[in-house]
Amino acid sequence: MAAVTTADQIVREDLSDLYINIDQRQTPFLTRLKRGDDLENVKFFSWALERYDGRVITGVPENTDANNFETDTQTQLYGRSQKFWRQPHVTVEANTINRAPADFGKYNKQVIKKVQEQKRDIEQRLLSDADSRDDDGVTGREVQGLGRFVNDATSVGSAGAALTFTDTQTTIPTAFRTPTAQIYVSTLYSTNASTGDRLDFKESTLNGMLQSRYDLFGKTNELSCFCDAVFRQHATRMFQNQQTLSGSTPIMRIQQLGSTEQHWMGKGVMLIDTDFGPVDINLVNWLPRKSGAISGRAYFLDMEFMYLRASGLFLTHQQLPDLGAGPRGLIQSILGPQWGDPQAHLKVDPANATGTY
């Protein structure tokens, strides 16, 4: 008796029209950077720093002529730009004939995806410890990462060695480097088998770093913290546990806020109050790691004078000739960061996030 069986049929593949991509990491630091002046020289640019002089509080004797005169002291810091490329391409067969999931123009999808990839490339480079360099014909110009800029050139953090300057033209003068008091390289917390965790980096530690900054500038404006997941969890330990003073008797009751009463600016962004002004804490994926592992890195930044100096090319798509293999193009950016004053920022860079005691 005749029959129709599955074995005799052509059974088409059942493939959903949806792509599953749960990687939705954003670029909050790049988004927060203000747009500065356009680059006018791709190889080299600079910005000026100046300071107020110290106070003159001694009396002037009678019958004294003015014979010592003052001028303003200004300093230049230098940066380089960097060219970033992403190169979308799909075959002519894939783009025009083959049926595939999310089939709404495969080349267009590639362009959108590579723009997002380049934003991540830029943010990771900006937040890195890398030093700047000039084009040597093999490797192009590269920008100085924030970890190298917020740096005293002597502290040893997660890199395992001091971050010295290798590019002489962009080396930060010693007098303008980030004070050691504003760089933390010890453990975030320590563990004891019998007594549990002990906070090493605590609220008083942060206030001490902020005080160093205040002593330099007399300024208590809002700072922005960009940190990785290890430090973000440690921040919860710091600010959701009431601190006590050893050897002191509590004489005043302080209300402990519940977790639902914390100040939140948005999803995943926490606003804390310190003795030297508010700080918003932002979770970022692209901070430096130690041997591939999240290290506990955090930057506390005064973003008032930080700028992204871009050229006319910033996440720009350029269609390239199709020579028969299918549509192709170039996503291109040329830009450089203007980091402001190194002494205005703080860095947490624990050599090891945890320890024992």
Protein backbone atom coordinates (compact mmCIF):
# COMPACT_ATOMS: atom_id res chain seq x y z
CA MET A 1 0.00 0.00 0.00
CA ALA A 2 1.40 3.33 -1.03
CA ALA A 3 2.27 5.84 1.70
CA VAL A 4 3.94 9.21 2.11
CA THR A 5 6.62 9.12 4.77
CA THR A 6 8.90 11.74 6.21
CA ALA A 7 11.91 9.83 4.99
CA ASP A 8 10.73 10.39 1.41
CA GLN A 9 10.06 14.11 1.83
CA ILE A 10 12.24 17.18 1.70
CA VAL A 11 11.88 18.64 5.16
CA ARG A 12 12.97 22.25 5.29
CA GLU A 13 14.96 23.54 8.24
CA ASP A 14 12.87 25.41 10.80
CA LEU A 15 14.97 28.39 11.82
CA SER A 16 13.49 31.25 13.82
CA ASP A 17 13.55 34.72 12.32
CA LEU A 18 15.03 36.11 15.52
CA TYR A 19 18.67 36.61 16.36
CA ILE A 20 19.43 35.99 20.03
CA ASN A 21 22.09 38.40 21.24
CA ILE A 22 21.85 39.24 24.94
CA ASP A 23 25.04 41.31 24.91
CA GLN A 24 23.55 44.75 25.44
CA ARG A 25 26.55 46.41 27.09
CA GLN A 26 26.49 50.16 26.63
CA THR A 27 29.14 52.89 26.53
CA PRO A 28 28.17 55.24 29.39
CA PHE A 29 31.57 56.89 29.67
CA LEU A 30 31.76 57.83 26.00
CA THR A 31 28.18 59.09 26.19
CA ARG A 32 29.01 61.34 29.13
CA LEU A 33 32.10 62.92 27.56
CA LYS A 34 31.38 66.40 26.26
CA ARG A 35 32.25 67.20 22.66
CA GLY A 36 35.26 69.51 22.50
CA ASP A 37 36.84 71.49 19.71
CA ASP A 38 37.34 69.64 16.44
CA LEU A 39 40.84 68.34 15.86
CA GLU A 40 42.96 70.59 13.67
CA ASN A 41 46.03 68.37 13.72
CA VAL A 42 45.59 64.61 13.87
CA LYS A 43 49.11 63.97 15.12
CA PHE A 44 49.29 66.29 18.10
CA PHE A 45 47.10 68.63 20.12
CA SER A 46 47.38 70.34 23.49
CA TRP A 47 45.43 72.14 26.19
CA ALA A 48 46.52 74.66 28.78
CA LEU A 49 46.50 74.44 32.58
CA GLU A 50 47.00 77.27 35.01
CA ARG A 51 46.79 77.69 38.77
CA TYR A 52 46.20 80.49 41.21
CA ASP A 53 49.30 81.55 43.12
CA GLY A 54 49.68 81.07 46.86
CA ARG A 55 48.28 83.69 49.23
CA VAL A 56 50.25 86.83 50.10
CA ILE A 57 49.28 87.70 53.67
CA THR A 58 52.27 89.63 55.05
CA GLY A 59 52.02 93.35 55.58
CA VAL A 60 53.72 95.85 53.25
CA PRO A 61 56.04 98.32 55.09
CA GLU A 62 55.55 102.03 54.71
CA ASN A 63 57.71 103.82 52.11
CA THR A 64 58.28 100.63 50.07
CA ASP A 65 58.34 100.68 46.27
CA ALA A 66 56.84 97.86 44.23
CA ASN A 67 59.81 96.04 42.72
CA ASN A 68 58.78 92.38 42.57
CA PHE A 69 56.22 91.68 39.89
CA GLU A 70 54.14 88.62 39.11
CA THR A 71 53.12 86.76 36.00
CA ASP A 72 50.72 83.90 35.41
CA THR A 73 52.28 80.45 35.13
CA GLN A 74 50.69 78.25 32.50
CA THR A 75 51.44 74.67 31.50
CA GLN A 76 50.55 72.70 28.39
CA LEU A 77 49.58 69.06 28.33
CA TYR A 78 49.64 67.13 25.07
CA GLY A 79 47.63 64.35 23.49
CA ARG A 80 47.43 62.37 20.29
CA SER A 81 44.50 61.25 18.21
CA GLN A 82 43.78 57.70 17.09
CA LYS A 83 42.09 56.27 14.03
CA PHE A 84 39.54 53.51 14.64
CA TRP A 85 38.28 51.21 11.87
CA ARG A 86 35.56 48.61 11.52
CA GLN A 87 34.97 47.04 8.09
CA PRO A 88 31.47 45.62 7.42
CA HIS A 89 31.10 43.23 4.48
CA VAL A 90 28.64 40.56 3.34
CA THR A 91 28.72 38.49 0.18
CA VAL A 92 26.47 39.30 -2.75
CA GLU A 93 24.79 35.91 -2.32
CA ALA A 94 24.07 36.46 1.38
CA ASN A 95 22.84 39.99 0.81
CA THR A 96 20.53 39.38 -2.16
CA ILE A 97 19.60 35.70 -2.43
CA ASN A 98 20.02 33.57 0.67
CA ARG A 99 17.09 33.51 3.05
CA ALA A 100 18.24 33.89 6.65
CA PRO A 101 16.92 34.98 10.06
CA ALA A 102 16.29 38.70 10.59
CA ASP A 103 16.38 39.12 6.83
CA PHE A 104 15.98 42.88 6.55
CA GLY A 105 19.15 43.73 4.64
CA LYS A 106 22.19 41.91 5.88
CA TYR A 107 24.65 44.63 4.94
CA ASN A 108 22.59 47.28 6.74
CA LYS A 109 22.57 45.08 9.83
CA GLN A 110 26.34 44.74 9.61
CA VAL A 111 26.76 48.52 9.46
CA ILE A 112 24.60 49.04 12.56
CA LYS A 113 26.44 46.31 14.44
CA LYS A 114 29.92 47.58 13.52
CA VAL A 115 29.04 51.12 14.61
CA GLN A 116 28.16 49.71 18.03
CA GLU A 117 31.37 47.67 18.04
CA GLN A 118 33.45 50.76 17.30
CA LYS A 119 31.84 52.71 20.14
CA ARG A 120 32.94 49.91 22.46
CA ASP A 121 36.43 49.90 20.92
CA ILE A 122 36.76 53.62 21.60
CA GLU A 123 35.48 53.40 25.18
CA GLN A 124 37.76 50.49 26.07
CA ARG A 125 40.79 52.32 24.70
CA LEU A 126 39.90 55.53 26.52
CA LEU A 127 39.53 53.70 29.85
CA SER A 128 42.71 51.64 29.44
CA ASP A 129 46.16 51.96 31.03
CA ALA A 130 47.86 52.25 27.63
CA ASP A 131 50.30 55.05 26.87
CA SER A 132 50.09 57.12 23.71
CA ARG A 133 52.38 56.55 20.75
CA ASP A 134 53.13 58.00 17.36
CA ASP A 135 52.59 56.26 14.02
CA ASP A 136 55.62 54.13 13.17
CA GLY A 137 54.33 52.82 9.84
CA VAL A 138 53.33 49.47 11.36
CA THR A 139 51.07 50.56 14.23
CA GLY A 140 49.20 53.81 13.96
CA ARG A 141 48.90 56.67 16.43
CA GLU A 142 47.30 55.71 19.74
CA VAL A 143 45.73 57.81 22.48
CA GLN A 144 46.78 57.83 26.12
CA GLY A 145 44.34 55.88 28.27
CA LEU A 146 42.78 57.39 31.38
CA GLY A 147 44.62 54.94 33.66
CA ARG A 148 47.96 56.27 32.42
CA PHE A 149 46.80 59.89 32.70
CA VAL A 150 45.45 59.59 36.27
CA ASN A 151 48.81 58.36 37.49
CA ASP A 152 51.78 59.29 39.68
CA ALA A 153 54.19 57.00 37.75
CA THR A 154 55.20 55.26 41.01
CA SER A 155 52.14 53.50 42.46
CA VAL A 156 51.86 49.79 41.61
CA GLY A 157 48.32 48.57 41.01
CA SER A 158 46.74 45.76 39.01
CA ALA A 159 49.31 46.11 36.19
CA GLY A 160 51.98 44.71 38.54
CA ALA A 161 54.35 47.59 37.81
CA ALA A 162 54.35 51.36 37.96
CA LEU A 163 52.78 53.03 34.91
CA THR A 164 55.67 55.09 33.63
CA PHE A 165 55.50 57.32 30.57
CA THR A 166 57.02 56.00 27.35
CA ASP A 167 55.86 58.74 24.97
CA THR A 168 58.09 61.72 25.78
CA GLN A 169 55.88 64.23 23.98
CA THR A 170 52.79 63.41 26.05
CA THR A 171 54.57 62.76 29.37
CA ILE A 172 52.83 64.61 32.19
CA PRO A 173 55.16 66.98 34.07
CA THR A 174 55.97 65.76 37.57
CA ALA A 175 54.36 68.80 39.23
CA PHE A 176 51.01 68.06 37.56
CA ARG A 177 50.77 64.29 38.08
CA THR A 178 47.98 62.84 40.18
CA PRO A 179 48.99 62.93 43.86
CA THR A 180 49.71 59.53 45.37
CA ALA A 181 47.09 60.31 48.03
CA GLN A 182 44.46 60.21 45.26
CA ILE A 183 45.44 56.75 43.99
CA TYR A 184 44.42 53.64 45.93
CA VAL A 185 46.22 50.35 45.18
CA SER A 186 45.56 48.19 48.27
CA THR A 187 42.83 45.58 48.67
CA LEU A 188 39.16 46.53 48.68
CA TYR A 189 38.35 44.13 51.50
CA SER A 190 40.00 41.33 53.46
CA THR A 191 38.58 38.03 54.66
CA ASN A 192 39.19 36.13 57.87
CA ALA A 193 37.94 32.57 58.32
CA SER A 194 36.55 33.27 61.79
CA THR A 195 35.45 36.91 61.65
CA GLY A 196 34.39 37.37 58.01
CA ASP A 197 35.03 40.39 55.79
CA ARG A 198 36.74 43.63 56.75
CA LEU A 199 36.50 46.75 54.59
CA ASP A 200 39.93 48.06 53.62
CA PHE A 201 38.64 50.63 51.14
CA LYS A 202 35.86 52.29 53.10
CA GLU A 203 34.00 55.58 53.20
CA SER A 204 36.72 57.25 55.27
CA THR A 205 39.32 56.10 52.70
CA LEU A 206 37.39 57.75 49.89
CA ASN A 207 36.93 60.91 51.95
CA GLY A 208 40.68 61.04 52.52
CA MET A 209 41.31 60.89 48.77
CA LEU A 210 38.68 63.58 48.21
CA GLN A 211 40.27 65.75 50.89
CA SER A 212 43.58 65.62 49.00
CA ARG A 213 41.78 66.94 45.95
CA TYR A 214 40.04 69.64 47.98
CA ASP A 215 43.36 70.76 49.49
CA LEU A 216 44.66 71.34 45.95
CA PHE A 217 41.65 73.09 44.46
CA GLY A 218 39.30 74.11 47.28
CA LYS A 219 36.52 72.72 45.12
CA THR A 220 33.71 70.34 46.09
CA ASN A 221 31.77 69.86 42.86
CA GLU A 222 30.04 66.65 41.83
CA LEU A 223 32.27 63.81 40.64
CA SER A 224 31.37 60.83 38.46
CA CYS A 225 32.64 57.35 39.26
CA PHE A 226 33.01 54.78 36.48
CA CYS A 227 33.74 51.35 37.90
CA ASP A 228 33.70 47.64 37.11
CA ALA A 229 31.40 45.04 38.66
CA VAL A 230 33.78 44.17 41.52
CA PHE A 231 34.03 47.76 42.73
CA ARG A 232 30.31 48.34 42.19
CA GLN A 233 29.48 45.50 44.59
CA HIS A 234 32.06 46.83 47.03
CA ALA A 235 30.36 50.24 46.92
CA THR A 236 27.21 48.55 48.17
CA ARG A 237 29.20 47.13 51.10
CA MET A 238 30.55 50.61 51.85
CA PHE A 239 27.35 52.61 51.75
CA GLN A 240 24.73 50.13 52.97
CA ASN A 241 26.59 49.22 56.16
CA GLN A 242 26.78 51.68 59.02
CA GLN A 243 30.35 52.41 60.12
CA THR A 244 31.43 52.62 63.77
CA LEU A 245 34.45 54.28 65.34
CA SER A 246 36.75 52.06 67.38
CA GLY A 247 37.00 53.22 71.01
CA SER A 248 34.06 55.61 70.72
CA THR A 249 30.73 55.44 72.49
CA PRO A 250 27.75 56.17 70.24
CA ILE A 251 25.73 59.06 71.67
CA MET A 252 23.61 59.81 68.61
CA ARG A 253 21.36 57.50 66.65
CA ILE A 254 21.70 57.82 62.87
CA GLN A 255 18.90 56.45 60.72
CA GLN A 256 20.04 53.62 58.48
CA LEU A 257 18.33 53.95 55.11
CA GLY A 258 16.83 50.85 53.58
CA SER A 259 18.04 49.74 50.17
CA THR A 260 14.83 51.03 48.58
CA GLU A 261 15.53 54.51 49.96
CA GLN A 262 18.93 54.97 48.35
CA HIS A 263 19.38 57.80 45.90
CA TRP A 264 19.21 56.42 42.35
CA MET A 265 19.73 58.45 39.20
CA GLY A 266 18.75 55.64 36.87
CA LYS A 267 19.03 51.90 36.42
CA GLY A 268 22.33 50.71 37.84
CA VAL A 269 23.48 54.25 38.72
CA MET A 270 23.86 55.06 42.41
CA LEU A 271 24.25 58.55 43.87
CA ILE A 272 26.20 58.80 47.12
CA ASP A 273 26.88 61.75 49.39
CA THR A 274 30.41 62.32 50.69
CA ASP A 275 31.96 64.99 52.89
CA PHE A 276 33.21 66.68 49.72
CA GLY A 277 30.16 66.53 47.48
CA PRO A 278 27.98 63.98 45.69
CA VAL A 279 29.31 61.18 43.51
CA ASP A 280 27.33 59.21 40.93
CA ILE A 281 28.55 55.63 40.51
CA ASN A 282 28.22 54.13 37.02
CA LEU A 283 28.84 50.51 36.06
CA VAL A 284 31.12 50.08 33.01
CA ASN A 285 32.24 46.90 31.26
CA TRP A 286 35.38 48.08 29.57
CA LEU A 287 37.78 48.80 32.44
CA PRO A 288 41.26 47.22 32.64
CA ARG A 289 41.49 43.68 33.95
CA LYS A 290 44.16 41.70 35.73
CA SER A 291 45.12 38.48 33.97
CA GLY A 292 41.70 38.55 32.30
CA ALA A 293 39.80 38.88 35.59
CA ILE A 294 37.83 41.91 36.78
CA SER A 295 40.21 43.86 38.99
CA GLY A 296 38.08 46.30 41.02
CA ARG A 297 39.07 49.39 39.01
CA ALA A 298 37.26 52.69 39.51
CA TYR A 299 37.84 56.27 38.36
CA PHE A 300 36.39 59.26 40.21
CA LEU A 301 36.36 62.02 37.63
CA ASP A 302 35.78 65.74 37.48
CA MET A 303 34.17 65.83 34.04
CA GLU A 304 33.80 69.62 33.84
CA PHE A 305 36.97 70.03 31.79
CA MET A 306 37.10 66.64 30.07
CA TYR A 307 36.32 66.61 26.34
CA LEU A 308 36.33 64.28 23.39
CA ARG A 309 38.03 66.02 20.50
CA ALA A 310 36.76 64.43 17.31
CA SER A 311 37.49 65.18 13.70
CA GLY A 312 34.92 65.30 10.94
CA LEU A 313 35.06 61.50 11.09
CA PHE A 314 33.23 60.08 14.10
CA LEU A 315 31.38 56.76 13.69
CA THR A 316 31.14 57.65 10.00
CA HIS A 317 30.06 55.06 7.43
CA GLN A 318 31.73 55.15 4.04
CA GLN A 319 30.48 52.86 1.26
CA LEU A 320 33.37 51.19 -0.58
CA PRO A 321 33.23 49.85 -4.16
CA ASP A 322 31.66 46.44 -4.62
CA LEU A 323 34.06 44.59 -6.92
CA GLY A 324 31.80 41.57 -7.21
CA ALA A 325 32.13 39.90 -3.82
CA GLY A 326 29.31 41.92 -2.26
CA PRO A 327 28.74 45.25 -0.51
CA ARG A 328 31.44 46.48 1.81
CA GLY A 329 32.23 49.64 3.71
CA LEU A 330 34.24 51.35 6.40
CA ILE A 331 33.19 52.65 9.81
CA GLN A 332 35.79 55.23 10.76
CA SER A 333 36.55 57.57 13.66
CA ILE A 334 39.52 59.85 14.30
CA LEU A 335 39.50 61.37 17.77
CA GLY A 336 41.47 62.11 20.89
CA PRO A 337 40.59 62.74 24.57
CA GLN A 338 41.34 66.00 26.34
CA TRP A 339 41.63 64.71 29.89
CA GLY A 340 41.81 68.03 31.78
CA ASP A 341 43.97 68.27 34.92
CA PRO A 342 45.47 64.98 36.23
CA GLN A 343 45.22 66.24 39.82
CA ALA A 344 41.45 66.71 39.56
CA HIS A 345 40.75 62.96 39.39
CA LEU A 346 40.98 59.91 41.66
CA LYS A 347 41.76 56.29 40.81
CA VAL A 348 41.11 53.03 42.62
CA ASP A 349 43.39 50.33 41.18
CA PRO A 350 43.76 47.47 43.69
CA ALA A 351 46.70 45.19 43.03
CA ASN A 352 44.44 42.46 44.43
CA ALA A 353 40.75 43.08 45.04
CA THR A 354 40.66 40.84 48.14
CA GLY A 355 43.09 39.78 50.81
CA THR A 356 43.29 37.97 54.15
CA TYR A 357 44.06 39.12 57.69
